[in-house]
Amino acid sequence: MRGLILVLALALMPFSAHAQDIAAAERAIAAGRHAEGLAMAEAVQPRDEAETVRRLWAIAVGYGRQGRPRAAIVPLERLVALQPADPRWRLELAAALAETGQQDRARYHYELARGADNLAPPIRRALEQRLDALDRDKNWYLDFRLALIPESNAEKRTGAERVTIGGLQFGINPNARERPATGLDFGLGVTLLPQLAPDLRARLSAQFDARLFDGNASDDVTLRMGAGLLRFADHGQRLSADLFTTRRWLAGRAYTRSVGLELGYSRRISERMTFGATLLRDRTDYLSTPFHADRNALFLQAMHVVSSQLLLRGGLRFENRRSANPGLAGDAAGISLGGQYLFAGGLRVALDLHFDRNDFDGLHPLFGIRRQDRRQQAVIQITNANWNYKGFAPVLKLGYDRQKSTVIMNDYRNLSAAIGFTRSF
């Protein structure tokens, strides 16, 4: 295994040398007696954190010099969990992950390593080159997720019991009000990136998403297909153009069909910050009606790596919809703020906040007022890098979703959880 800082080797590690058995293991590995050194290091019972770190590093180096990067990942993961602020372990782990074909996980650790204050300029330049190489060398992606999703109001229905129409009060059918449901969230995506030129790729993608419930909420299934071009440039720049089509089914029935164009641009604007922008235009046909909606949208995103443990992100969204149906036409805007922190020991906590407004044209046909929605969402995600099996770690998500609306039927509150698996650590 060739990590970014493997040249430091064992002799330069700033650890105390009072553990003679670890020192003997280090000497054996340095002398090329890898199996002997590994056996000695594995047998060590460290007395404190310093000895634990030194032992794990010796084991990682031994496996690396044996040409066994997969085996080296385990001790490197433990080093990152023990000392998440130290970029050396994270860089070595990222290199081992990349060598074993786990590019997404490698990118995650390289990105966090960019936040370290003590990286020498040559190592920082090499890090940026590794990030570029991860993009350019990838020929395909496969995404998978699976989670159990209990929700207090999966259909996002009103909690009101009565509604006023034309000055008269009517009771709302209990089946049309909020009620809890438990479901399964499943996603599978495949992206192919055949090379057309040194910095140009075609992009062919398919994404299947499904939320399947126990009967107390409608099943929601979406299939998206896309084809486009992806171009790479210096400073981590990526330019893309994609044509796509989407089909959505609700409660087993075809609900919408969309076609559109998406243009994207992203780049690193500093050693720690990445910026991205997306322009989208699509047309959505509502299949049970004669209406469609044309949408123009702009998305802006920024990510700042504060340190090897702390990452901050934010985004803006602007949207305009045009339709012959005033219940579909309107304008929307939103802002998102979030971040994640990696604690010593491997615990990672992420928090994301979303604030959206959605204003519709015309008057509501039943209530005779203009619909205006104001939505706030908060999502906490908790995982631990030490709890994983072949790269998958359990993750817990907790969400709060509150929408206030001038139309009572669109006013709701929902509490949700997702218990599943992820490789985003």
Protein backbone atom coordinates (compact mmCIF):
# COMPACT_ATOMS: atom_id res chain seq x y z
CA MET A 1 0.00 0.00 0.00
CA ARG A 2 1.30 3.44 -0.93
CA GLY A 3 -0.28 6.12 1.23
CA LEU A 4 0.43 9.82 0.95
CA ILE A 5 2.69 9.80 4.00
CA LEU A 6 4.01 6.27 4.13
CA VAL A 7 7.47 7.76 3.52
CA LEU A 8 7.44 8.88 7.14
CA ALA A 9 7.69 5.19 8.08
CA LEU A 10 7.95 3.91 11.58
CA ALA A 11 11.15 5.65 12.59
CA LEU A 12 9.59 9.11 12.32
CA MET A 13 6.47 8.39 14.37
CA PRO A 14 6.44 10.67 17.44
CA PHE A 15 5.47 8.03 19.99
CA SER A 16 7.21 6.97 23.18
CA ALA A 17 9.38 3.85 22.83
CA HIS A 18 8.89 2.27 26.25
CA ALA A 19 7.04 -0.76 24.81
CA GLN A 20 9.88 -3.05 23.77
CA ASP A 21 7.60 -5.63 22.22
CA ILE A 22 6.10 -3.04 19.85
CA ALA A 23 9.58 -1.78 19.02
CA ALA A 24 10.64 -5.33 18.14
CA ALA A 25 7.62 -5.70 15.85
CA GLU A 26 8.48 -2.39 14.17
CA ARG A 27 12.05 -3.50 13.55
CA ALA A 28 10.92 -6.80 12.06
CA ILE A 29 8.51 -5.07 9.67
CA ALA A 30 11.12 -2.48 8.69
CA ALA A 31 13.58 -5.31 7.97
CA GLY A 32 11.11 -7.02 5.63
CA ARG A 33 10.10 -9.79 8.03
CA HIS A 34 6.46 -8.81 7.69
CA ALA A 35 4.77 -11.99 8.91
CA GLU A 36 7.00 -12.13 11.99
CA GLY A 37 6.45 -8.46 12.77
CA LEU A 38 2.69 -8.74 12.33
CA ALA A 39 2.48 -11.71 14.66
CA MET A 40 4.45 -9.82 17.30
CA ALA A 41 2.31 -6.68 16.95
CA GLU A 42 -0.94 -8.64 17.06
CA ALA A 43 0.15 -10.26 20.33
CA VAL A 44 0.83 -6.94 22.06
CA GLN A 45 -1.56 -5.88 24.85
CA PRO A 46 -1.26 -2.06 24.84
CA ARG A 47 -1.40 -0.26 28.19
CA ASP A 48 -2.56 3.17 27.02
CA GLU A 49 -3.73 5.06 23.95
CA ALA A 50 -0.20 5.88 22.79
CA GLU A 51 0.73 2.20 22.70
CA THR A 52 -2.59 1.33 21.05
CA VAL A 53 -1.95 3.84 18.28
CA ARG A 54 1.63 2.66 17.79
CA ARG A 55 0.54 -1.00 17.64
CA LEU A 56 -2.26 -0.32 15.13
CA TRP A 57 0.09 1.67 12.91
CA ALA A 58 2.65 -1.14 12.94
CA ILE A 59 -0.05 -3.63 11.91
CA ALA A 60 -1.29 -1.33 9.13
CA VAL A 61 2.22 -0.85 7.77
CA GLY A 62 2.89 -4.59 7.94
CA TYR A 63 -0.22 -5.43 5.93
CA GLY A 64 0.55 -2.65 3.49
CA ARG A 65 4.06 -3.90 2.81
CA GLN A 66 2.65 -7.39 2.30
CA GLY A 67 0.47 -5.96 -0.47
CA ARG A 68 -2.72 -6.53 1.55
CA PRO A 69 -4.51 -3.15 1.57
CA ARG A 70 -7.87 -4.72 2.48
CA ALA A 71 -6.41 -6.11 5.68
CA ALA A 72 -4.77 -2.74 6.43
CA ILE A 73 -8.15 -0.97 6.32
CA VAL A 74 -9.28 -2.40 9.69
CA PRO A 75 -6.40 -1.01 11.84
CA LEU A 76 -6.46 2.26 9.88
CA GLU A 77 -10.19 2.67 10.58
CA ARG A 78 -9.50 2.21 14.28
CA LEU A 79 -6.73 4.81 14.13
CA VAL A 80 -9.07 7.33 12.50
CA ALA A 81 -11.71 6.60 15.13
CA LEU A 82 -9.21 7.04 17.99
CA GLN A 83 -7.62 10.23 16.64
CA PRO A 84 -9.95 11.78 14.05
CA ALA A 85 -8.11 15.12 14.10
CA ASP A 86 -4.84 13.55 12.93
CA PRO A 87 -4.77 13.66 9.09
CA ARG A 88 -2.07 10.98 8.76
CA TRP A 89 -4.40 8.11 9.58
CA ARG A 90 -7.17 9.49 7.40
CA LEU A 91 -4.85 9.90 4.40
CA GLU A 92 -3.52 6.38 4.76
CA LEU A 93 -7.05 4.97 5.13
CA ALA A 94 -8.21 6.87 2.04
CA ALA A 95 -5.27 5.50 0.05
CA ALA A 96 -6.06 1.93 1.13
CA LEU A 97 -9.75 2.36 0.29
CA ALA A 98 -8.93 3.75 -3.15
CA GLU A 99 -6.53 0.87 -3.79
CA THR A 100 -9.30 -1.63 -3.02
CA GLY A 101 -11.81 0.08 -5.31
CA GLN A 102 -13.85 1.83 -2.60
CA GLN A 103 -13.64 5.26 -4.24
CA ASP A 104 -16.67 6.80 -2.54
CA ARG A 105 -15.34 6.06 0.94
CA ALA A 106 -11.86 7.19 -0.12
CA ARG A 107 -13.26 10.52 -1.37
CA TYR A 108 -15.02 11.09 1.95
CA HIS A 109 -11.78 10.75 3.93
CA TYR A 110 -9.71 12.76 1.44
CA GLU A 111 -12.26 15.59 1.64
CA LEU A 112 -12.08 15.66 5.45
CA ALA A 113 -8.27 15.56 5.36
CA ARG A 114 -8.36 18.84 3.43
CA GLY A 115 -9.43 20.53 6.67
CA ALA A 116 -6.20 19.70 8.50
CA ASP A 117 -4.05 22.70 9.44
CA ASN A 118 -0.72 20.90 9.52
CA LEU A 119 -0.53 19.40 6.03
CA ALA A 120 2.74 20.18 4.26
CA PRO A 121 2.29 21.82 0.82
CA PRO A 122 3.58 18.75 -1.09
CA ILE A 123 1.13 16.48 0.75
CA ARG A 124 -1.74 18.91 0.15
CA ARG A 125 -0.92 19.02 -3.57
CA ALA A 126 -0.79 15.23 -3.68
CA LEU A 127 -4.15 15.09 -1.88
CA GLU A 128 -5.77 17.33 -4.51
CA GLN A 129 -4.29 15.13 -7.24
CA ARG A 130 -5.76 12.05 -5.58
CA LEU A 131 -9.21 13.67 -5.47
CA ASP A 132 -8.99 14.53 -9.17
CA ALA A 133 -7.84 11.01 -9.97
CA LEU A 134 -10.80 9.49 -8.12
CA ASP A 135 -13.14 11.41 -10.42
CA ARG A 136 -11.27 10.74 -13.64
CA ASP A 137 -10.61 7.05 -13.04
CA LYS A 138 -14.14 6.03 -12.10
CA ASN A 139 -15.96 4.12 -14.85
CA TRP A 140 -19.15 3.27 -12.98
CA TYR A 141 -21.05 3.83 -9.74
CA LEU A 142 -23.42 1.63 -7.81
CA ASP A 143 -25.55 3.08 -5.01
CA PHE A 144 -27.64 1.06 -2.59
CA ARG A 145 -29.63 1.88 0.52
CA LEU A 146 -32.10 0.02 2.69
CA ALA A 147 -33.86 1.30 5.79
CA LEU A 148 -36.87 0.76 8.01
CA ILE A 149 -38.89 4.00 8.15
CA PRO A 150 -41.50 4.46 10.89
CA GLU A 151 -43.27 7.82 10.54
CA SER A 152 -46.02 9.57 12.49
CA ASN A 153 -47.59 11.04 9.33
CA ALA A 154 -46.09 9.43 6.23
CA GLU A 155 -48.83 10.77 3.93
CA LYS A 156 -48.25 14.33 5.22
CA ARG A 157 -51.94 14.83 5.94
CA THR A 158 -53.57 17.45 8.12
CA GLY A 159 -54.14 16.83 11.79
CA ALA A 160 -57.26 19.03 11.83
CA GLU A 161 -60.62 17.40 12.55
CA ARG A 162 -62.85 20.04 10.94
CA VAL A 163 -62.58 22.41 7.99
CA THR A 164 -64.52 25.55 7.06
CA ILE A 165 -65.72 25.97 3.46
CA GLY A 166 -67.95 28.86 2.46
CA GLY A 167 -68.68 29.67 6.08
CA LEU A 168 -69.83 26.14 6.84
CA GLN A 169 -67.92 23.61 8.95
CA PHE A 170 -67.38 20.06 7.81
CA GLY A 171 -65.79 17.12 9.59
CA ILE A 172 -62.72 15.59 7.99
CA ASN A 173 -62.86 11.85 7.38
CA PRO A 174 -60.45 10.13 9.82
CA ASN A 175 -58.95 8.24 6.85
CA ALA A 176 -57.97 11.61 5.36
CA ARG A 177 -56.17 12.80 8.51
CA GLU A 178 -52.69 12.11 9.78
CA ARG A 179 -51.91 8.60 10.97
CA PRO A 180 -48.70 6.65 11.63
CA ALA A 181 -47.22 4.19 9.17
CA THR A 182 -44.16 1.97 8.97
CA GLY A 183 -42.42 1.21 5.73
CA LEU A 184 -39.28 0.18 3.93
CA ASP A 185 -37.10 2.65 2.06
CA PHE A 186 -35.15 1.07 -0.79
CA GLY A 187 -32.88 2.65 -3.38
CA LEU A 188 -30.69 1.28 -6.14
CA GLY A 189 -28.77 3.35 -8.67
CA VAL A 190 -26.31 2.54 -11.44
CA THR A 191 -24.20 5.04 -13.38
CA LEU A 192 -21.91 4.15 -16.29
CA LEU A 193 -19.15 6.55 -17.34
CA PRO A 194 -17.57 5.36 -20.62
CA GLN A 195 -14.60 7.48 -21.65
CA LEU A 196 -14.93 9.56 -24.84
CA ALA A 197 -11.73 11.61 -24.44
CA PRO A 198 -9.08 12.09 -21.70
CA ASP A 199 -11.27 14.58 -19.79
CA LEU A 200 -14.69 13.73 -21.23
CA ARG A 201 -17.10 10.96 -20.24
CA ALA A 202 -20.52 9.91 -21.34
CA ARG A 203 -22.90 9.38 -18.42
CA LEU A 204 -25.71 6.82 -18.48
CA SER A 205 -27.73 6.44 -15.30
CA ALA A 206 -30.71 4.64 -13.82
CA GLN A 207 -32.12 5.21 -10.34
CA PHE A 208 -34.91 3.27 -8.65
CA ASP A 209 -36.41 4.53 -5.37
CA ALA A 210 -39.28 3.01 -3.42
CA ARG A 211 -41.05 3.75 -0.14
CA LEU A 212 -43.26 0.76 0.61
CA PHE A 213 -45.66 1.01 3.56
CA ASP A 214 -47.80 -1.29 5.68
CA GLY A 215 -51.15 -0.10 4.31
CA ASN A 216 -51.48 3.07 6.39
CA ALA A 217 -49.74 5.12 3.68
CA SER A 218 -49.48 4.92 -0.09
CA ASP A 219 -46.49 3.23 -1.69
CA ASP A 220 -44.32 5.74 -3.56
CA VAL A 221 -42.11 4.45 -6.39
CA THR A 222 -39.89 6.49 -8.73
CA LEU A 223 -37.76 5.46 -11.70
CA ARG A 224 -35.35 7.91 -13.33
CA MET A 225 -33.23 7.34 -16.45
CA GLY A 226 -30.60 9.77 -17.72
CA ALA A 227 -28.00 10.25 -20.44
CA GLY A 228 -25.45 13.02 -20.74
CA LEU A 229 -21.86 14.23 -20.75
CA LEU A 230 -19.39 14.88 -17.93
CA ARG A 231 -16.22 16.93 -18.39
CA PHE A 232 -13.33 17.33 -15.94
CA ALA A 233 -10.96 20.29 -15.64
CA ASP A 234 -8.30 21.62 -13.26
CA HIS A 235 -9.06 22.62 -9.65
CA GLY A 236 -11.61 19.86 -9.31
CA GLN A 237 -13.91 21.38 -11.90
CA ARG A 238 -16.76 19.27 -13.24
CA LEU A 239 -19.20 20.33 -15.95
CA SER A 240 -22.18 18.17 -16.85
CA ALA A 241 -25.24 18.14 -19.07
CA ASP A 242 -27.91 15.45 -18.77
CA LEU A 243 -31.23 14.66 -20.37
CA PHE A 244 -33.53 12.67 -18.10
CA THR A 245 -36.96 11.14 -17.83
CA THR A 246 -38.77 10.20 -14.63
CA ARG A 247 -41.85 8.11 -13.88
CA ARG A 248 -43.61 8.11 -10.52
CA TRP A 249 -46.26 5.75 -9.17
CA LEU A 250 -48.44 6.42 -6.10
CA ALA A 251 -50.52 3.65 -4.52
CA GLY A 252 -49.74 1.43 -7.50
CA ARG A 253 -51.02 3.91 -10.09
CA ALA A 254 -49.07 6.01 -12.55
CA TYR A 255 -48.95 9.54 -11.14
CA THR A 256 -46.48 11.70 -13.10
CA ARG A 257 -44.14 11.55 -16.06
CA SER A 258 -41.30 14.07 -16.41
CA VAL A 259 -38.66 14.89 -19.01
CA GLY A 260 -35.99 17.51 -18.59
CA LEU A 261 -32.49 18.92 -18.95
CA GLU A 262 -30.01 19.38 -16.11
CA LEU A 263 -26.79 21.43 -16.31
CA GLY A 264 -24.24 21.22 -13.51
CA TYR A 265 -20.96 22.87 -12.53
CA SER A 266 -18.75 22.41 -9.48
CA ARG A 267 -15.19 23.26 -8.46
CA ARG A 268 -12.92 23.67 -5.48
CA ILE A 269 -12.61 27.40 -4.84
CA SER A 270 -10.07 27.06 -2.03
CA GLU A 271 -8.14 24.39 -0.16
CA ARG A 272 -11.19 23.75 2.02
CA MET A 273 -14.24 24.94 0.09
CA THR A 274 -16.19 23.46 -2.81
CA PHE A 275 -18.94 25.26 -4.73
CA GLY A 276 -21.58 23.82 -7.05
CA ALA A 277 -24.49 25.09 -9.15
CA THR A 278 -27.24 23.24 -11.01
CA LEU A 279 -29.73 24.55 -13.56
CA LEU A 280 -32.80 22.43 -14.24
CA ARG A 281 -35.68 22.65 -16.67
CA ASP A 282 -38.34 19.96 -16.86
CA ARG A 283 -41.95 19.30 -17.80
CA THR A 284 -44.13 17.13 -15.57
CA ASP A 285 -47.36 15.58 -16.85
CA TYR A 286 -49.95 14.66 -14.22
CA LEU A 287 -51.28 11.51 -15.82
CA SER A 288 -54.77 11.46 -14.28
CA THR A 289 -55.43 15.04 -15.45
CA PRO A 290 -54.97 17.02 -18.69
CA PHE A 291 -52.48 19.34 -16.97
CA HIS A 292 -48.72 19.65 -16.94
CA ALA A 293 -46.24 21.98 -15.22
CA ASP A 294 -43.06 23.50 -16.66
CA ARG A 295 -40.39 24.07 -14.04
CA ASN A 296 -37.21 26.17 -14.06
CA ALA A 297 -34.95 25.78 -11.04
CA LEU A 298 -31.54 26.89 -9.78
CA PHE A 299 -29.66 25.11 -6.99
CA LEU A 300 -26.51 26.49 -5.32
CA GLN A 301 -24.40 24.44 -2.90
CA ALA A 302 -21.24 25.07 -0.87
CA MET A 303 -19.20 22.81 1.39
CA HIS A 304 -16.46 23.98 3.77
CA VAL A 305 -14.12 21.57 5.53
CA VAL A 306 -13.31 23.33 8.80
CA SER A 307 -11.09 20.57 10.17
CA SER A 308 -10.52 16.84 9.87
CA GLN A 309 -13.52 16.42 12.17
CA LEU A 310 -15.90 19.23 11.19
CA LEU A 311 -17.61 19.83 7.85
CA LEU A 312 -20.18 22.56 7.11
CA ARG A 313 -22.52 22.84 4.13
CA GLY A 314 -25.24 25.10 2.83
CA GLY A 315 -27.49 25.56 -0.16
CA LEU A 316 -30.04 27.79 -1.88
CA ARG A 317 -32.95 26.82 -4.14
CA PHE A 318 -35.06 28.94 -6.47
CA GLU A 319 -37.94 27.55 -8.52
CA ASN A 320 -40.62 28.80 -10.91
CA ARG A 321 -43.51 26.67 -12.18
CA ARG A 322 -45.86 27.48 -15.04
CA SER A 323 -49.10 25.62 -15.70
CA ALA A 324 -52.63 26.14 -16.96
CA ASN A 325 -53.69 24.78 -13.56
CA PRO A 326 -53.17 27.52 -10.91
CA GLY A 327 -52.92 24.77 -8.32
CA LEU A 328 -49.63 23.68 -9.92
CA ALA A 329 -48.14 27.03 -11.00
CA GLY A 330 -46.17 29.23 -8.63
CA ASP A 331 -42.78 30.07 -7.15
CA ALA A 332 -40.66 28.45 -4.47
CA ALA A 333 -37.40 29.15 -2.67
CA GLY A 334 -35.42 27.44 0.04
CA ILE A 335 -32.30 27.52 2.14
CA SER A 336 -30.46 24.62 3.75
CA LEU A 337 -27.78 24.64 6.45
CA GLY A 338 -25.95 21.66 7.84
CA GLY A 339 -22.80 20.02 9.01
CA GLN A 340 -21.26 16.95 10.55
CA TYR A 341 -18.80 16.28 13.34
CA LEU A 342 -16.69 13.17 13.89
CA PHE A 343 -15.96 12.44 17.55
CA ALA A 344 -13.03 10.48 18.91
CA GLY A 345 -14.13 6.86 19.10
CA GLY A 346 -15.80 6.85 15.67
CA LEU A 347 -19.17 8.47 16.46
CA ARG A 348 -20.34 10.78 13.67
CA VAL A 349 -23.28 13.17 14.06
CA ALA A 350 -24.75 15.18 11.18
CA LEU A 351 -27.46 17.84 11.37
CA ASP A 352 -29.28 19.41 8.41
CA LEU A 353 -31.90 22.18 8.52
CA HIS A 354 -34.16 23.14 5.61
CA PHE A 355 -36.42 26.18 5.30
CA ASP A 356 -38.72 26.45 2.27
CA ARG A 357 -41.51 28.65 1.01
CA ASN A 358 -43.90 27.66 -1.78
CA ASP A 359 -46.45 30.12 -3.17
CA PHE A 360 -49.10 29.00 -5.66
CA ASP A 361 -50.86 31.10 -8.28
CA GLY A 362 -54.59 31.69 -8.32
CA LEU A 363 -57.20 30.80 -5.73
CA HIS A 364 -57.85 27.37 -4.27
CA PRO A 365 -61.04 25.94 -5.86
CA LEU A 366 -62.55 24.85 -2.51
CA PHE A 367 -61.29 27.42 -0.04
CA GLY A 368 -61.19 30.48 -2.29
CA ILE A 369 -57.79 31.61 -1.00
CA ARG A 370 -54.27 31.56 -2.36
CA ARG A 371 -52.22 28.63 -1.11
CA GLN A 372 -48.96 29.56 0.61
CA ASP A 373 -46.80 26.93 2.31
CA ARG A 374 -43.94 27.47 4.77
CA ARG A 375 -41.95 24.36 5.59
CA GLN A 376 -39.20 23.64 8.14
CA GLN A 377 -37.28 20.37 8.34
CA ALA A 378 -34.58 19.09 10.67
CA VAL A 379 -32.71 15.81 10.20
CA ILE A 380 -30.15 14.29 12.57
CA GLN A 381 -28.04 11.37 11.36
CA ILE A 382 -25.95 9.26 13.73
CA THR A 383 -23.51 6.52 12.81
CA ASN A 384 -20.28 5.01 14.05
CA ALA A 385 -17.38 4.06 11.80
CA ASN A 386 -16.33 1.30 14.20
CA TRP A 387 -19.61 -0.55 13.70
CA ASN A 388 -19.36 -1.82 10.17
CA TYR A 389 -19.38 -5.00 8.15
CA LYS A 390 -17.47 -4.98 4.87
CA GLY A 391 -17.80 -1.23 4.62
CA PHE A 392 -21.46 -0.93 5.61
CA ALA A 393 -22.27 0.83 8.88
CA PRO A 394 -25.66 1.08 10.59
CA VAL A 395 -27.14 4.56 10.56
CA LEU A 396 -29.97 6.15 12.50
CA LYS A 397 -31.85 9.16 11.10
CA LEU A 398 -34.36 11.21 13.06
CA GLY A 399 -36.45 13.82 11.28
CA TYR A 400 -38.93 16.56 12.08
CA ASP A 401 -41.04 18.04 9.26
CA ARG A 402 -43.49 20.89 9.82
CA GLN A 403 -45.44 22.66 7.09
CA LYS A 404 -47.74 25.59 7.77
CA SER A 405 -50.21 26.35 4.99
CA THR A 406 -53.02 28.79 4.34
CA VAL A 407 -54.97 25.75 3.12
CA ILE A 408 -55.67 23.59 6.17
CA MET A 409 -55.57 20.33 4.18
CA ASN A 410 -51.89 21.02 3.37
CA ASP A 411 -50.93 21.90 6.94
CA TYR A 412 -49.12 18.99 8.60
CA ARG A 413 -46.50 17.75 11.05
CA ASN A 414 -44.43 14.57 10.69
CA LEU A 415 -41.89 12.81 12.90
CA SER A 416 -39.79 10.18 11.17
CA ALA A 417 -36.96 7.75 11.73
CA ALA A 418 -34.83 5.67 9.40
CA ILE A 419 -32.84 2.69 10.62
CA GLY A 420 -30.63 1.31 7.89
CA PHE A 421 -27.15 0.96 6.44
CA THR A 422 -24.73 3.36 4.78
CA ARG A 423 -21.22 3.56 3.35
CA SER A 424 -20.98 7.34 3.71
CA PHE A 425 -18.31 7.43 6.38
